[in-house]
Amino acid sequence: TNPFLYPKLPYDTFKDFSPISLLASSPNVLLVRADSPFKSVGDVIAAAKAKPGSLSFAHAGNGTSTHLAGELLNSLAKIDLRAIPY
């Protein structure tokens, strides 16, 4: 993730390193309160499209898998969820 988070690095991540093994996996879950009006991911996306910037998502810090998953959802769904680090 470094080349996407830091504009200047003293190395080329893609040329200077080679993957050799999977170290870990980190599942991500989208959760809402039980009394939320959202019952599906489609509901969240529809609400985010109706009112851009009005919804937010919590993540564990900049560059973490939860942050990047939320930004990926933003990009793929063409929505604007605000990222809130906790």
PDB file of N, CA and C in Angstrom:
ATOM      1  N   THR A   1       0.811  -1.207   0.000  1.00  0.00           N
ATOM      2  CA  THR A   1       0.000   0.000   0.000  1.00  0.00           C
ATOM      3  C   THR A   1       0.852   1.268   0.000  1.00  0.00           C
ATOM      4  N   ASN A   2       2.112   1.159   0.381  1.00  0.00           N
ATOM      5  CA  ASN A   2       2.945   2.352   0.508  1.00  0.00           C
ATOM      6  C   ASN A   2       2.988   3.248  -0.725  1.00  0.00           C
ATOM      7  N   PRO A   3       3.127   2.707  -1.941  1.00  0.00           N
ATOM      8  CA  PRO A   3       3.211   3.617  -3.086  1.00  0.00           C
ATOM      9  C   PRO A   3       1.934   4.430  -3.304  1.00  0.00           C
ATOM     10  N   PHE A   4       0.819   3.971  -2.753  1.00  0.00           N
ATOM     11  CA  PHE A   4      -0.427   4.696  -2.905  1.00  0.00           C
ATOM     12  C   PHE A   4      -0.665   5.675  -1.757  1.00  0.00           C
ATOM     13  N   LEU A   5       0.078   5.502  -0.664  1.00  0.00           N
ATOM     14  CA  LEU A   5      -0.088   6.360   0.507  1.00  0.00           C
ATOM     15  C   LEU A   5       0.996   7.425   0.635  1.00  0.00           C
ATOM     16  N   TYR A   6       2.183   7.157   0.093  1.00  0.00           N
ATOM     17  CA  TYR A   6       3.303   8.075   0.223  1.00  0.00           C
ATOM     18  C   TYR A   6       3.808   8.465  -1.168  1.00  0.00           C
ATOM     19  N   PRO A   7       3.831   9.762  -1.463  1.00  0.00           N
ATOM     20  CA  PRO A   7       4.200  10.193  -2.806  1.00  0.00           C
ATOM     21  C   PRO A   7       5.664   9.944  -3.169  1.00  0.00           C
ATOM     22  N   LYS A   8       6.573   9.959  -2.181  1.00  0.00           N
ATOM     23  CA  LYS A   8       7.991   9.785  -2.470  1.00  0.00           C
ATOM     24  C   LYS A   8       8.574   8.684  -1.589  1.00  0.00           C
ATOM     25  N   LEU A   9       9.009   7.613  -2.218  1.00  0.00           N
ATOM     26  CA  LEU A   9       9.655   6.518  -1.492  1.00  0.00           C
ATOM     27  C   LEU A   9      11.066   6.332  -2.048  1.00  0.00           C
ATOM     28  N   PRO A  10      12.024   5.898  -1.222  1.00  0.00           N
ATOM     29  CA  PRO A  10      13.394   5.715  -1.711  1.00  0.00           C
ATOM     30  C   PRO A  10      13.588   4.410  -2.489  1.00  0.00           C
ATOM     31  N   TYR A  11      12.499   3.725  -2.794  1.00  0.00           N
ATOM     32  CA  TYR A  11      12.569   2.467  -3.528  1.00  0.00           C
ATOM     33  C   TYR A  11      11.320   2.330  -4.393  1.00  0.00           C
ATOM     34  N   ASP A  12      11.383   1.409  -5.346  1.00  0.00           N
ATOM     35  CA  ASP A  12      10.236   1.104  -6.202  1.00  0.00           C
ATOM     36  C   ASP A  12       9.621  -0.201  -5.701  1.00  0.00           C
ATOM     37  N   THR A  13       8.490  -0.091  -5.078  1.00  0.00           N
ATOM     38  CA  THR A  13       7.839  -1.249  -4.462  1.00  0.00           C
ATOM     39  C   THR A  13       7.643  -2.392  -5.446  1.00  0.00           C
ATOM     40  N   PHE A  14       7.272  -2.073  -6.675  1.00  0.00           N
ATOM     41  CA  PHE A  14       6.921  -3.111  -7.637  1.00  0.00           C
ATOM     42  C   PHE A  14       8.148  -3.723  -8.316  1.00  0.00           C
ATOM     43  N   LYS A  15       9.248  -2.991  -8.391  1.00  0.00           N
ATOM     44  CA  LYS A  15      10.452  -3.522  -9.032  1.00  0.00           C
ATOM     45  C   LYS A  15      11.461  -4.091  -8.036  1.00  0.00           C
ATOM     46  N   ASP A  16      11.496  -3.527  -6.820  1.00  0.00           N
ATOM     47  CA  ASP A  16      12.529  -3.909  -5.856  1.00  0.00           C
ATOM     48  C   ASP A  16      12.127  -5.040  -4.915  1.00  0.00           C
ATOM     49  N   PHE A  17      10.871  -5.458  -4.941  1.00  0.00           N
ATOM     50  CA  PHE A  17      10.400  -6.524  -4.059  1.00  0.00           C
ATOM     51  C   PHE A  17       9.654  -7.584  -4.862  1.00  0.00           C
ATOM     52  N   SER A  18       9.692  -8.816  -4.356  1.00  0.00           N
ATOM     53  CA  SER A  18       8.948  -9.912  -4.960  1.00  0.00           C
ATOM     54  C   SER A  18       8.155 -10.626  -3.873  1.00  0.00           C
ATOM     55  N   PRO A  19       6.868 -10.890  -4.114  1.00  0.00           N
ATOM     56  CA  PRO A  19       6.095 -11.628  -3.112  1.00  0.00           C
ATOM     57  C   PRO A  19       6.554 -13.093  -3.053  1.00  0.00           C
ATOM     58  N   ILE A  20       6.676 -13.622  -1.843  1.00  0.00           N
ATOM     59  CA  ILE A  20       7.087 -15.022  -1.712  1.00  0.00           C
ATOM     60  C   ILE A  20       6.091 -15.853  -0.906  1.00  0.00           C
ATOM     61  N   SER A  21       5.241 -15.196  -0.117  1.00  0.00           N
ATOM     62  CA  SER A  21       4.312 -15.959   0.699  1.00  0.00           C
ATOM     63  C   SER A  21       3.183 -15.068   1.205  1.00  0.00           C
ATOM     64  N   LEU A  22       2.023 -15.664   1.393  1.00  0.00           N
ATOM     65  CA  LEU A  22       0.916 -14.967   2.045  1.00  0.00           C
ATOM     66  C   LEU A  22       1.176 -15.004   3.539  1.00  0.00           C
ATOM     67  N   LEU A  23       1.235 -13.833   4.169  1.00  0.00           N
ATOM     68  CA  LEU A  23       1.492 -13.770   5.609  1.00  0.00           C
ATOM     69  C   LEU A  23       0.220 -13.811   6.429  1.00  0.00           C
ATOM     70  N   ALA A  24      -0.811 -13.162   5.927  1.00  0.00           N
ATOM     71  CA  ALA A  24      -2.045 -13.075   6.710  1.00  0.00           C
ATOM     72  C   ALA A  24      -3.198 -12.718   5.790  1.00  0.00           C
ATOM     73  N   SER A  25      -4.374 -12.920   6.298  1.00  0.00           N
ATOM     74  CA  SER A  25      -5.562 -12.430   5.600  1.00  0.00           C
ATOM     75  C   SER A  25      -6.400 -11.693   6.635  1.00  0.00           C
ATOM     76  N   SER A  26      -7.153 -10.750   6.166  1.00  0.00           N
ATOM     77  CA  SER A  26      -7.926  -9.919   7.084  1.00  0.00           C
ATOM     78  C   SER A  26      -9.328  -9.728   6.524  1.00  0.00           C
ATOM     79  N   PRO A  27     -10.291 -10.499   7.020  1.00  0.00           N
ATOM     80  CA  PRO A  27     -11.656 -10.328   6.508  1.00  0.00           C
ATOM     81  C   PRO A  27     -12.222  -8.982   6.968  1.00  0.00           C
ATOM     82  N   ASN A  28     -13.057  -8.400   6.153  1.00  0.00           N
ATOM     83  CA  ASN A  28     -13.718  -7.149   6.493  1.00  0.00           C
ATOM     84  C   ASN A  28     -15.220  -7.369   6.475  1.00  0.00           C
ATOM     85  N   VAL A  29     -15.901  -6.696   7.389  1.00  0.00           N
ATOM     86  CA  VAL A  29     -17.346  -6.861   7.527  1.00  0.00           C
ATOM     87  C   VAL A  29     -17.990  -5.480   7.528  1.00  0.00           C
ATOM     88  N   LEU A  30     -19.080  -5.340   6.806  1.00  0.00           N
ATOM     89  CA  LEU A  30     -19.853  -4.101   6.827  1.00  0.00           C
ATOM     90  C   LEU A  30     -20.989  -4.293   7.812  1.00  0.00           C
ATOM     91  N   LEU A  31     -21.005  -3.475   8.863  1.00  0.00           N
ATOM     92  CA  LEU A  31     -22.010  -3.599   9.920  1.00  0.00           C
ATOM     93  C   LEU A  31     -22.806  -2.311  10.054  1.00  0.00           C
ATOM     94  N   VAL A  32     -24.073  -2.452  10.398  1.00  0.00           N
ATOM     95  CA  VAL A  32     -24.931  -1.317  10.744  1.00  0.00           C
ATOM     96  C   VAL A  32     -25.690  -1.687  12.011  1.00  0.00           C
ATOM     97  N   ARG A  33     -26.236  -0.681  12.692  1.00  0.00           N
ATOM     98  CA  ARG A  33     -27.042  -0.952  13.884  1.00  0.00           C
ATOM     99  C   ARG A  33     -28.260  -1.797  13.507  1.00  0.00           C
ATOM    100  N   ALA A  34     -28.741  -2.578  14.440  1.00  0.00           N
ATOM    101  CA  ALA A  34     -29.897  -3.449  14.186  1.00  0.00           C
ATOM    102  C   ALA A  34     -31.138  -2.654  13.785  1.00  0.00           C
ATOM    103  N   ASP A  35     -31.277  -1.441  14.315  1.00  0.00           N
ATOM    104  CA  ASP A  35     -32.454  -0.630  13.979  1.00  0.00           C
ATOM    105  C   ASP A  35     -32.205   0.314  12.795  1.00  0.00           C
ATOM    106  N   SER A  36     -31.117   0.091  12.077  1.00  0.00           N
ATOM    107  CA  SER A  36     -30.785   0.909  10.913  1.00  0.00           C
ATOM    108  C   SER A  36     -31.777   0.660   9.777  1.00  0.00           C
ATOM    109  N   PRO A  37     -32.030   1.668   8.943  1.00  0.00           N
ATOM    110  CA  PRO A  37     -32.894   1.451   7.788  1.00  0.00           C
ATOM    111  C   PRO A  37     -32.203   0.644   6.683  1.00  0.00           C
ATOM    112  N   PHE A  38     -30.898   0.460   6.810  1.00  0.00           N
ATOM    113  CA  PHE A  38     -30.143  -0.274   5.792  1.00  0.00           C
ATOM    114  C   PHE A  38     -30.204  -1.773   6.061  1.00  0.00           C
ATOM    115  N   LYS A  39     -30.685  -2.534   5.089  1.00  0.00           N
ATOM    116  CA  LYS A  39     -30.791  -3.985   5.237  1.00  0.00           C
ATOM    117  C   LYS A  39     -29.881  -4.725   4.266  1.00  0.00           C
ATOM    118  N   SER A  40     -29.224  -3.969   3.373  1.00  0.00           N
ATOM    119  CA  SER A  40     -28.324  -4.583   2.397  1.00  0.00           C
ATOM    120  C   SER A  40     -27.268  -3.554   1.985  1.00  0.00           C
ATOM    121  N   VAL A  41     -26.225  -4.028   1.338  1.00  0.00           N
ATOM    122  CA  VAL A  41     -25.204  -3.125   0.808  1.00  0.00           C
ATOM    123  C   VAL A  41     -25.849  -2.202  -0.231  1.00  0.00           C
ATOM    124  N   GLY A  42     -26.790  -2.740  -0.989  1.00  0.00           N
ATOM    125  CA  GLY A  42     -27.500  -1.927  -1.975  1.00  0.00           C
ATOM    126  C   GLY A  42     -28.219  -0.747  -1.340  1.00  0.00           C
ATOM    127  N   ASP A  43     -28.794  -0.957  -0.151  1.00  0.00           N
ATOM    128  CA  ASP A  43     -29.454   0.132   0.577  1.00  0.00           C
ATOM    129  C   ASP A  43     -28.456   1.235   0.937  1.00  0.00           C
ATOM    130  N   VAL A  44     -27.271   0.844   1.393  1.00  0.00           N
ATOM    131  CA  VAL A  44     -26.239   1.811   1.762  1.00  0.00           C
ATOM    132  C   VAL A  44     -25.797   2.598   0.540  1.00  0.00           C
ATOM    133  N   ILE A  45     -25.558   1.899  -0.557  1.00  0.00           N
ATOM    134  CA  ILE A  45     -25.114   2.557  -1.788  1.00  0.00           C
ATOM    135  C   ILE A  45     -26.179   3.523  -2.302  1.00  0.00           C
ATOM    136  N   ALA A  46     -27.434   3.105  -2.274  1.00  0.00           N
ATOM    137  CA  ALA A  46     -28.521   3.982  -2.742  1.00  0.00           C
ATOM    138  C   ALA A  46     -28.600   5.243  -1.886  1.00  0.00           C
ATOM    139  N   ALA A  47     -28.477   5.103  -0.569  1.00  0.00           N
ATOM    140  CA  ALA A  47     -28.527   6.267   0.319  1.00  0.00           C
ATOM    141  C   ALA A  47     -27.325   7.181   0.092  1.00  0.00           C
ATOM    142  N   ALA A  48     -26.159   6.590  -0.125  1.00  0.00           N
ATOM    143  CA  ALA A  48     -24.949   7.383  -0.365  1.00  0.00           C
ATOM    144  C   ALA A  48     -25.041   8.134  -1.683  1.00  0.00           C
ATOM    145  N   LYS A  49     -25.655   7.540  -2.681  1.00  0.00           N
ATOM    146  CA  LYS A  49     -25.829   8.227  -3.969  1.00  0.00           C
ATOM    147  C   LYS A  49     -26.867   9.340  -3.865  1.00  0.00           C
ATOM    148  N   ALA A  50     -27.887   9.121  -3.040  1.00  0.00           N
ATOM    149  CA  ALA A  50     -28.939  10.127  -2.887  1.00  0.00           C
ATOM    150  C   ALA A  50     -28.435  11.369  -2.152  1.00  0.00           C
ATOM    151  N   LYS A  51     -27.530  11.161  -1.177  1.00  0.00           N
ATOM    152  CA  LYS A  51     -26.994  12.280  -0.393  1.00  0.00           C
ATOM    153  C   LYS A  51     -25.484  12.118  -0.244  1.00  0.00           C
ATOM    154  N   PRO A  52     -24.714  12.477  -1.282  1.00  0.00           N
ATOM    155  CA  PRO A  52     -23.251  12.304  -1.227  1.00  0.00           C
ATOM    156  C   PRO A  52     -22.632  12.995  -0.014  1.00  0.00           C
ATOM    157  N   GLY A  53     -21.721  12.294   0.656  1.00  0.00           N
ATOM    158  CA  GLY A  53     -21.011  12.843   1.798  1.00  0.00           C
ATOM    159  C   GLY A  53     -21.776  12.794   3.109  1.00  0.00           C
ATOM    160  N   SER A  54     -22.990  12.266   3.097  1.00  0.00           N
ATOM    161  CA  SER A  54     -23.796  12.257   4.324  1.00  0.00           C
ATOM    162  C   SER A  54     -23.569  11.014   5.176  1.00  0.00           C
ATOM    163  N   LEU A  55     -22.982   9.979   4.619  1.00  0.00           N
ATOM    164  CA  LEU A  55     -22.714   8.748   5.370  1.00  0.00           C
ATOM    165  C   LEU A  55     -21.226   8.624   5.631  1.00  0.00           C
ATOM    166  N   SER A  56     -20.876   7.930   6.698  1.00  0.00           N
ATOM    167  CA  SER A  56     -19.472   7.720   7.024  1.00  0.00           C
ATOM    168  C   SER A  56     -19.239   6.256   7.374  1.00  0.00           C
ATOM    169  N   PHE A  57     -17.958   5.880   7.376  1.00  0.00           N
ATOM    170  CA  PHE A  57     -17.596   4.536   7.825  1.00  0.00           C
ATOM    171  C   PHE A  57     -16.385   4.640   8.743  1.00  0.00           C
ATOM    172  N   ALA A  58     -16.366   3.792   9.749  1.00  0.00           N
ATOM    173  CA  ALA A  58     -15.250   3.756  10.697  1.00  0.00           C
ATOM    174  C   ALA A  58     -14.186   2.811  10.169  1.00  0.00           C
ATOM    175  N   HIS A  59     -12.932   3.159  10.451  1.00  0.00           N
ATOM    176  CA  HIS A  59     -11.836   2.253  10.092  1.00  0.00           C
ATOM    177  C   HIS A  59     -10.753   2.336  11.157  1.00  0.00           C
ATOM    178  N   ALA A  60      -9.841   1.391  11.123  1.00  0.00           N
ATOM    179  CA  ALA A  60      -8.835   1.248  12.177  1.00  0.00           C
ATOM    180  C   ALA A  60      -7.630   2.164  12.009  1.00  0.00           C
ATOM    181  N   GLY A  61      -7.619   3.006  11.002  1.00  0.00           N
ATOM    182  CA  GLY A  61      -6.507   3.931  10.770  1.00  0.00           C
ATOM    183  C   GLY A  61      -6.167   4.001   9.302  1.00  0.00           C
ATOM    184  N   ASN A  62      -5.539   5.089   8.908  1.00  0.00           N
ATOM    185  CA  ASN A  62      -5.196   5.290   7.502  1.00  0.00           C
ATOM    186  C   ASN A  62      -4.287   4.177   6.984  1.00  0.00           C
ATOM    187  N   GLY A  63      -4.664   3.633   5.840  1.00  0.00           N
ATOM    188  CA  GLY A  63      -3.878   2.578   5.213  1.00  0.00           C
ATOM    189  C   GLY A  63      -4.197   1.172   5.689  1.00  0.00           C
ATOM    190  N   THR A  64      -5.077   1.024   6.676  1.00  0.00           N
ATOM    191  CA  THR A  64      -5.433  -0.314   7.147  1.00  0.00           C
ATOM    192  C   THR A  64      -6.384  -0.982   6.150  1.00  0.00           C
ATOM    193  N   SER A  65      -6.585  -2.272   6.317  1.00  0.00           N
ATOM    194  CA  SER A  65      -7.457  -2.987   5.383  1.00  0.00           C
ATOM    195  C   SER A  65      -8.886  -2.455   5.432  1.00  0.00           C
ATOM    196  N   THR A  66      -9.351  -2.050   6.619  1.00  0.00           N
ATOM    197  CA  THR A  66     -10.717  -1.522   6.706  1.00  0.00           C
ATOM    198  C   THR A  66     -10.833  -0.175   5.993  1.00  0.00           C
ATOM    199  N   HIS A  67      -9.806   0.657   6.104  1.00  0.00           N
ATOM    200  CA  HIS A  67      -9.803   1.941   5.400  1.00  0.00           C
ATOM    201  C   HIS A  67      -9.806   1.719   3.886  1.00  0.00           C
ATOM    202  N   LEU A  68      -8.903   0.860   3.429  1.00  0.00           N
ATOM    203  CA  LEU A  68      -8.792   0.621   1.988  1.00  0.00           C
ATOM    204  C   LEU A  68     -10.034  -0.071   1.434  1.00  0.00           C
ATOM    205  N   ALA A  69     -10.665  -0.953   2.217  1.00  0.00           N
ATOM    206  CA  ALA A  69     -11.905  -1.592   1.772  1.00  0.00           C
ATOM    207  C   ALA A  69     -13.008  -0.560   1.593  1.00  0.00           C
ATOM    208  N   GLY A  70     -13.099   0.378   2.523  1.00  0.00           N
ATOM    209  CA  GLY A  70     -14.097   1.443   2.393  1.00  0.00           C
ATOM    210  C   GLY A  70     -13.841   2.330   1.191  1.00  0.00           C
ATOM    211  N   GLU A  71     -12.572   2.653   0.958  1.00  0.00           N
ATOM    212  CA  GLU A  71     -12.239   3.474  -0.206  1.00  0.00           C
ATOM    213  C   GLU A  71     -12.482   2.708  -1.508  1.00  0.00           C
ATOM    214  N   LEU A  72     -12.261   1.396  -1.479  1.00  0.00           N
ATOM    215  CA  LEU A  72     -12.566   0.579  -2.653  1.00  0.00           C
ATOM    216  C   LEU A  72     -14.066   0.585  -2.931  1.00  0.00           C
ATOM    217  N   LEU A  73     -14.870   0.470  -1.885  1.00  0.00           N
ATOM    218  CA  LEU A  73     -16.324   0.563  -2.051  1.00  0.00           C
ATOM    219  C   LEU A  73     -16.698   1.918  -2.649  1.00  0.00           C
ATOM    220  N   ASN A  74     -16.111   2.995  -2.135  1.00  0.00           N
ATOM    221  CA  ASN A  74     -16.347   4.327  -2.703  1.00  0.00           C
ATOM    222  C   ASN A  74     -16.066   4.346  -4.200  1.00  0.00           C
ATOM    223  N   SER A  75     -14.930   3.814  -4.558  1.00  0.00           N
ATOM    224  CA  SER A  75     -14.492   3.842  -5.956  1.00  0.00           C
ATOM    225  C   SER A  75     -15.376   2.977  -6.858  1.00  0.00           C
ATOM    226  N   LEU A  76     -15.619   1.747  -6.436  1.00  0.00           N
ATOM    227  CA  LEU A  76     -16.392   0.826  -7.281  1.00  0.00           C
ATOM    228  C   LEU A  76     -17.857   1.233  -7.403  1.00  0.00           C
ATOM    229  N   ALA A  77     -18.436   1.738  -6.318  1.00  0.00           N
ATOM    230  CA  ALA A  77     -19.847   2.112  -6.329  1.00  0.00           C
ATOM    231  C   ALA A  77     -20.061   3.565  -6.759  1.00  0.00           C
ATOM    232  N   LYS A  78     -18.948   4.297  -6.926  1.00  0.00           N
ATOM    233  CA  LYS A  78     -19.019   5.718  -7.297  1.00  0.00           C
ATOM    234  C   LYS A  78     -19.858   6.508  -6.291  1.00  0.00           C
ATOM    235  N   ILE A  79     -19.480   6.340  -5.009  1.00  0.00           N
ATOM    236  CA  ILE A  79     -20.167   7.029  -3.911  1.00  0.00           C
ATOM    237  C   ILE A  79     -19.142   7.795  -3.085  1.00  0.00           C
ATOM    238  N   ASP A  80     -19.621   8.549  -2.098  1.00  0.00           N
ATOM    239  CA  ASP A  80     -18.741   9.346  -1.257  1.00  0.00           C
ATOM    240  C   ASP A  80     -19.066   9.111   0.214  1.00  0.00           C
ATOM    241  N   LEU A  81     -18.542   7.994   0.763  1.00  0.00           N
ATOM    242  CA  LEU A  81     -18.638   7.721   2.192  1.00  0.00           C
ATOM    243  C   LEU A  81     -17.441   8.394   2.856  1.00  0.00           C
ATOM    244  N   ARG A  82     -17.658   9.097   3.956  1.00  0.00           N
ATOM    245  CA  ARG A  82     -16.566   9.745   4.676  1.00  0.00           C
ATOM    246  C   ARG A  82     -15.849   8.721   5.549  1.00  0.00           C
ATOM    247  N   ALA A  83     -14.537   8.695   5.484  1.00  0.00           N
ATOM    248  CA  ALA A  83     -13.720   7.769   6.275  1.00  0.00           C
ATOM    249  C   ALA A  83     -13.403   8.387   7.627  1.00  0.00           C
ATOM    250  N   ILE A  84     -13.723   7.678   8.718  1.00  0.00           N
ATOM    251  CA  ILE A  84     -13.478   8.148  10.075  1.00  0.00           C
ATOM    252  C   ILE A  84     -12.555   7.155  10.782  1.00  0.00           C
ATOM    253  N   PRO A  85     -11.294   7.562  11.064  1.00  0.00           N
ATOM    254  CA  PRO A  85     -10.384   6.647  11.774  1.00  0.00           C
ATOM    255  C   PRO A  85     -10.701   6.580  13.258  1.00  0.00           C
ATOM    256  N   TYR A  86     -10.665   5.367  13.821  1.00  0.00           N
ATOM    257  CA  TYR A  86     -10.873   5.177  15.254  1.00  0.00           C
ATOM    258  C   TYR A  86      -9.684   4.504  15.872  1.00  0.00           C
TER     259      TYR A  86
END
